[in-house]
C-alpha atoms as a PDB file:
ATOM      1  CA  MET A   1       7.608 -11.757  42.391  1.00  0.00           C
ATOM      2  CA  GLY A   2       5.653 -11.117  38.810  1.00  0.00           C
ATOM      3  CA  LYS A   3       1.934 -11.684  39.923  1.00  0.00           C
ATOM      4  CA  LEU A   4       2.531  -9.970  43.388  1.00  0.00           C
ATOM      5  CA  MET A   5       3.550  -7.116  40.886  1.00  0.00           C
ATOM      6  CA  ASP A   6       0.756  -7.934  38.902  1.00  0.00           C
ATOM      7  CA  ASN A   7      -2.055  -7.698  42.011  1.00  0.00           C
ATOM      8  CA  VAL A   8       0.059  -4.394  43.242  1.00  0.00           C
ATOM      9  CA  PHE A   9      -0.235  -2.989  40.024  1.00  0.00           C
ATOM     10  CA  GLN A  10      -4.148  -3.990  39.946  1.00  0.00           C
ATOM     11  CA  SER A  11      -5.337  -3.298  42.980  1.00  0.00           C
ATOM     12  CA  VAL A  12      -4.149   0.294  42.733  1.00  0.00           C
ATOM     13  CA  LEU A  13      -5.236   0.813  38.637  1.00  0.00           C
ATOM     14  CA  ARG A  14      -8.440   0.299  40.563  1.00  0.00           C
ATOM     15  CA  PHE A  15      -8.452   1.803  43.173  1.00  0.00           C
ATOM     16  CA  VAL A  16      -8.097   5.053  40.681  1.00  0.00           C
ATOM     17  CA  TYR A  17     -10.291   3.596  38.849  1.00  0.00           C
ATOM     18  CA  PRO A  18     -13.163   1.996  40.124  1.00  0.00           C
ATOM     19  CA  HIS A  19     -14.556  -1.139  37.869  1.00  0.00           C
ATOM     20  CA  LYS A  20     -17.650   0.083  35.617  1.00  0.00           C
ATOM     21  CA  ASP A  21     -20.648  -1.912  35.851  1.00  0.00           C
ATOM     22  CA  PRO A  22     -20.505  -4.741  33.642  1.00  0.00           C
ATOM     23  CA  VAL A  23     -23.945  -3.898  32.230  1.00  0.00           C
ATOM     24  CA  LEU A  24     -23.048  -0.349  32.068  1.00  0.00           C
ATOM     25  CA  ILE A  25     -19.684  -1.701  29.536  1.00  0.00           C
ATOM     26  CA  LYS A  26     -21.644  -4.252  27.349  1.00  0.00           C
ATOM     27  CA  ARG A  27     -24.029  -0.907  26.751  1.00  0.00           C
ATOM     28  CA  GLU A  28     -21.452   1.283  26.111  1.00  0.00           C
ATOM     29  CA  TYR A  29     -19.499  -0.808  23.867  1.00  0.00           C
ATOM     30  CA  ASN A  30     -22.261  -3.003  21.943  1.00  0.00           C
ATOM     31  CA  ILE A  31     -20.574  -6.546  23.731  1.00  0.00           C
ATOM     32  CA  PRO A  32     -23.647  -9.503  23.507  1.00  0.00           C
ATOM     33  CA  ASP A  33     -25.191 -10.449  26.609  1.00  0.00           C
ATOM     34  CA  THR A  34     -23.773 -13.950  26.345  1.00  0.00           C
ATOM     35  CA  ILE A  35     -21.222 -15.671  23.558  1.00  0.00           C
ATOM     36  CA  ASN A  36     -20.705 -18.933  23.037  1.00  0.00           C
ATOM     37  CA  LEU A  37     -17.305 -20.167  23.219  1.00  0.00           C
ATOM     38  CA  SER A  38     -15.477 -23.345  21.566  1.00  0.00           C
ATOM     39  CA  VAL A  39     -13.487 -24.661  24.694  1.00  0.00           C
ATOM     40  CA  ARG A  40     -10.754 -27.067  23.939  1.00  0.00           C
ATOM     41  CA  LEU A  41      -8.243 -28.856  26.357  1.00  0.00           C
ATOM     42  CA  THR A  42      -4.525 -29.401  24.668  1.00  0.00           C
ATOM     43  CA  LYS A  43      -2.400 -32.314  25.533  1.00  0.00           C
ATOM     44  CA  GLU A  44      -0.302 -30.300  27.953  1.00  0.00           C
ATOM     45  CA  GLY A  45      -3.716 -29.497  30.590  1.00  0.00           C
ATOM     46  CA  TYR A  46      -4.349 -25.806  28.949  1.00  0.00           C
ATOM     47  CA  PHE A  47      -7.975 -24.371  28.213  1.00  0.00           C
ATOM     48  CA  VAL A  48      -7.320 -22.555  24.345  1.00  0.00           C
ATOM     49  CA  VAL A  49     -10.613 -20.615  23.966  1.00  0.00           C
ATOM     50  CA  THR A  50     -11.896 -19.235  20.313  1.00  0.00           C
ATOM     51  CA  SER A  51     -15.488 -18.586  19.771  1.00  0.00           C
ATOM     52  CA  PRO A  52     -18.006 -18.216  16.471  1.00  0.00           C
ATOM     53  CA  ASP A  53     -19.709 -15.351  17.534  1.00  0.00           C
ATOM     54  CA  LEU A  54     -16.394 -13.485  17.073  1.00  0.00           C
ATOM     55  CA  PRO A  55     -14.049 -13.739  14.681  1.00  0.00           C
ATOM     56  CA  GLY A  56     -10.498 -13.854  15.535  1.00  0.00           C
ATOM     57  CA  LEU A  57     -11.048 -13.872  19.384  1.00  0.00           C
ATOM     58  CA  LEU A  58      -8.642 -16.287  20.844  1.00  0.00           C
ATOM     59  CA  THR A  59      -7.477 -17.177  24.428  1.00  0.00           C
ATOM     60  CA  GLU A  60      -5.819 -19.916  26.218  1.00  0.00           C
ATOM     61  CA  ALA A  61      -5.390 -20.670  30.706  1.00  0.00           C
ATOM     62  CA  ARG A  62      -3.958 -23.260  32.500  1.00  0.00           C
ATOM     63  CA  ASP A  63      -7.332 -23.771  35.238  1.00  0.00           C
ATOM     64  CA  HIS A  64     -10.546 -21.957  35.372  1.00  0.00           C
ATOM     65  CA  GLU A  65      -9.556 -19.696  37.522  1.00  0.00           C
ATOM     66  CA  GLU A  66      -7.025 -18.270  34.395  1.00  0.00           C
ATOM     67  CA  LEU A  67      -9.950 -19.321  32.173  1.00  0.00           C
ATOM     68  CA  ILE A  68     -12.016 -16.377  33.480  1.00  0.00           C
ATOM     69  CA  GLU A  69      -9.763 -14.079  33.809  1.00  0.00           C
ATOM     70  CA  MET A  70      -8.591 -14.189  29.646  1.00  0.00           C
ATOM     71  CA  VAL A  71     -11.668 -15.042  28.430  1.00  0.00           C
ATOM     72  CA  ASN A  72     -12.321 -11.734  29.973  1.00  0.00           C
ATOM     73  CA  ASP A  73      -9.807  -9.936  28.901  1.00  0.00           C
ATOM     74  CA  ALA A  74     -10.458 -11.291  25.345  1.00  0.00           C
ATOM     75  CA  VAL A  75     -13.714  -9.526  25.212  1.00  0.00           C
ATOM     76  CA  LEU A  76     -12.787  -6.354  26.275  1.00  0.00           C
ATOM     77  CA  THR A  77      -9.581  -6.433  24.076  1.00  0.00           C
ATOM     78  CA  TYR A  78     -11.770  -7.352  21.030  1.00  0.00           C
ATOM     79  CA  PHE A  79     -14.281  -4.282  21.850  1.00  0.00           C
ATOM     80  CA  ASP A  80     -11.254  -2.169  22.394  1.00  0.00           C
ATOM     81  CA  VAL A  81     -12.562  -1.626  25.895  1.00  0.00           C
ATOM     82  CA  PRO A  82      -9.997   0.605  28.464  1.00  0.00           C
ATOM     83  CA  LYS A  83      -7.710  -1.401  31.159  1.00  0.00           C
ATOM     84  CA  ARG A  84      -9.393   1.389  33.776  1.00  0.00           C
ATOM     85  CA  GLU A  85     -13.029   0.449  32.929  1.00  0.00           C
ATOM     86  CA  ALA A  86     -13.575  -3.008  33.129  1.00  0.00           C
ATOM     87  CA  ASP A  87     -11.609  -6.439  33.996  1.00  0.00           C
ATOM     88  CA  ILE A  88     -14.819  -9.039  34.094  1.00  0.00           C
ATOM     89  CA  VAL A  89     -17.939  -8.602  31.903  1.00  0.00           C
ATOM     90  CA  TYR A  90     -18.856 -12.470  31.581  1.00  0.00           C
ATOM     91  CA  ASN A  91     -19.047 -13.665  35.831  1.00  0.00           C
ATOM     92  CA  GLN A  92     -20.338 -17.198  34.821  1.00  0.00           C
ATOM     93  CA  PHE A  93     -19.558 -19.467  32.405  1.00  0.00           C
ATOM     94  CA  ASN A  94     -21.392 -22.872  31.973  1.00  0.00           C
ATOM     95  CA  LEU A  95     -19.029 -25.295  30.330  1.00  0.00           C
ATOM     96  CA  GLY A  96     -21.266 -28.740  29.848  1.00  0.00           C
ATOM     97  CA  ASP A  97     -22.224 -30.065  33.332  1.00  0.00           C
ATOM     98  CA  GLN A  98     -20.061 -27.750  35.407  1.00  0.00           C
ATOM     99  CA  VAL A  99     -20.627 -23.783  36.039  1.00  0.00           C
ATOM    100  CA  ILE A 100     -17.720 -21.925  36.618  1.00  0.00           C
ATOM    101  CA  ARG A 101     -18.757 -17.906  38.119  1.00  0.00           C
ATOM    102  CA  TYR A 102     -16.752 -15.013  39.222  1.00  0.00           C
ATOM    103  CA  GLU A 103     -17.803 -12.783  42.437  1.00  0.00           C
ATOM    104  CA  GLY A 104     -15.100 -11.101  43.522  1.00  0.00           C
ATOM    105  CA  LYS A 105     -13.178 -14.803  44.220  1.00  0.00           C
ATOM    106  CA  LEU A 106     -13.659 -18.302  41.522  1.00  0.00           C
ATOM    107  CA  GLN A 107     -16.776 -20.039  42.354  1.00  0.00           C
ATOM    108  CA  THR A 108     -16.687 -23.382  40.244  1.00  0.00           C
ATOM    109  CA  ARG A 109     -19.733 -26.200  41.876  1.00  0.00           C
ATOM    110  CA  THR A 110     -21.345 -28.874  39.244  1.00  0.00           C
ATOM    111  CA  ALA A 111     -24.007 -27.246  37.142  1.00  0.00           C
END
């Protein structure tokens, strides 16, 4: 039920406040075009992400889909971007030999 309520909330939020263009968000809030990420897989199977470019940035995720959402959320929070402005500023991550891409729906492919 929690996931359903989150989806309903996001749909209503985006109806009232449509996404702004990620390029404009990056420019307005001085977010770099690219960032370096350190991704570690825990023995419990979680991805733990930090960034040498953004001291103090820390997030975790259970899978690739959640990884792209959580990193974007952490970066937007780090730069004090209001939730109504955007959910995504980075739509692609290069993780070794894999590329994780977000284009309306998550896509993962070999690099």
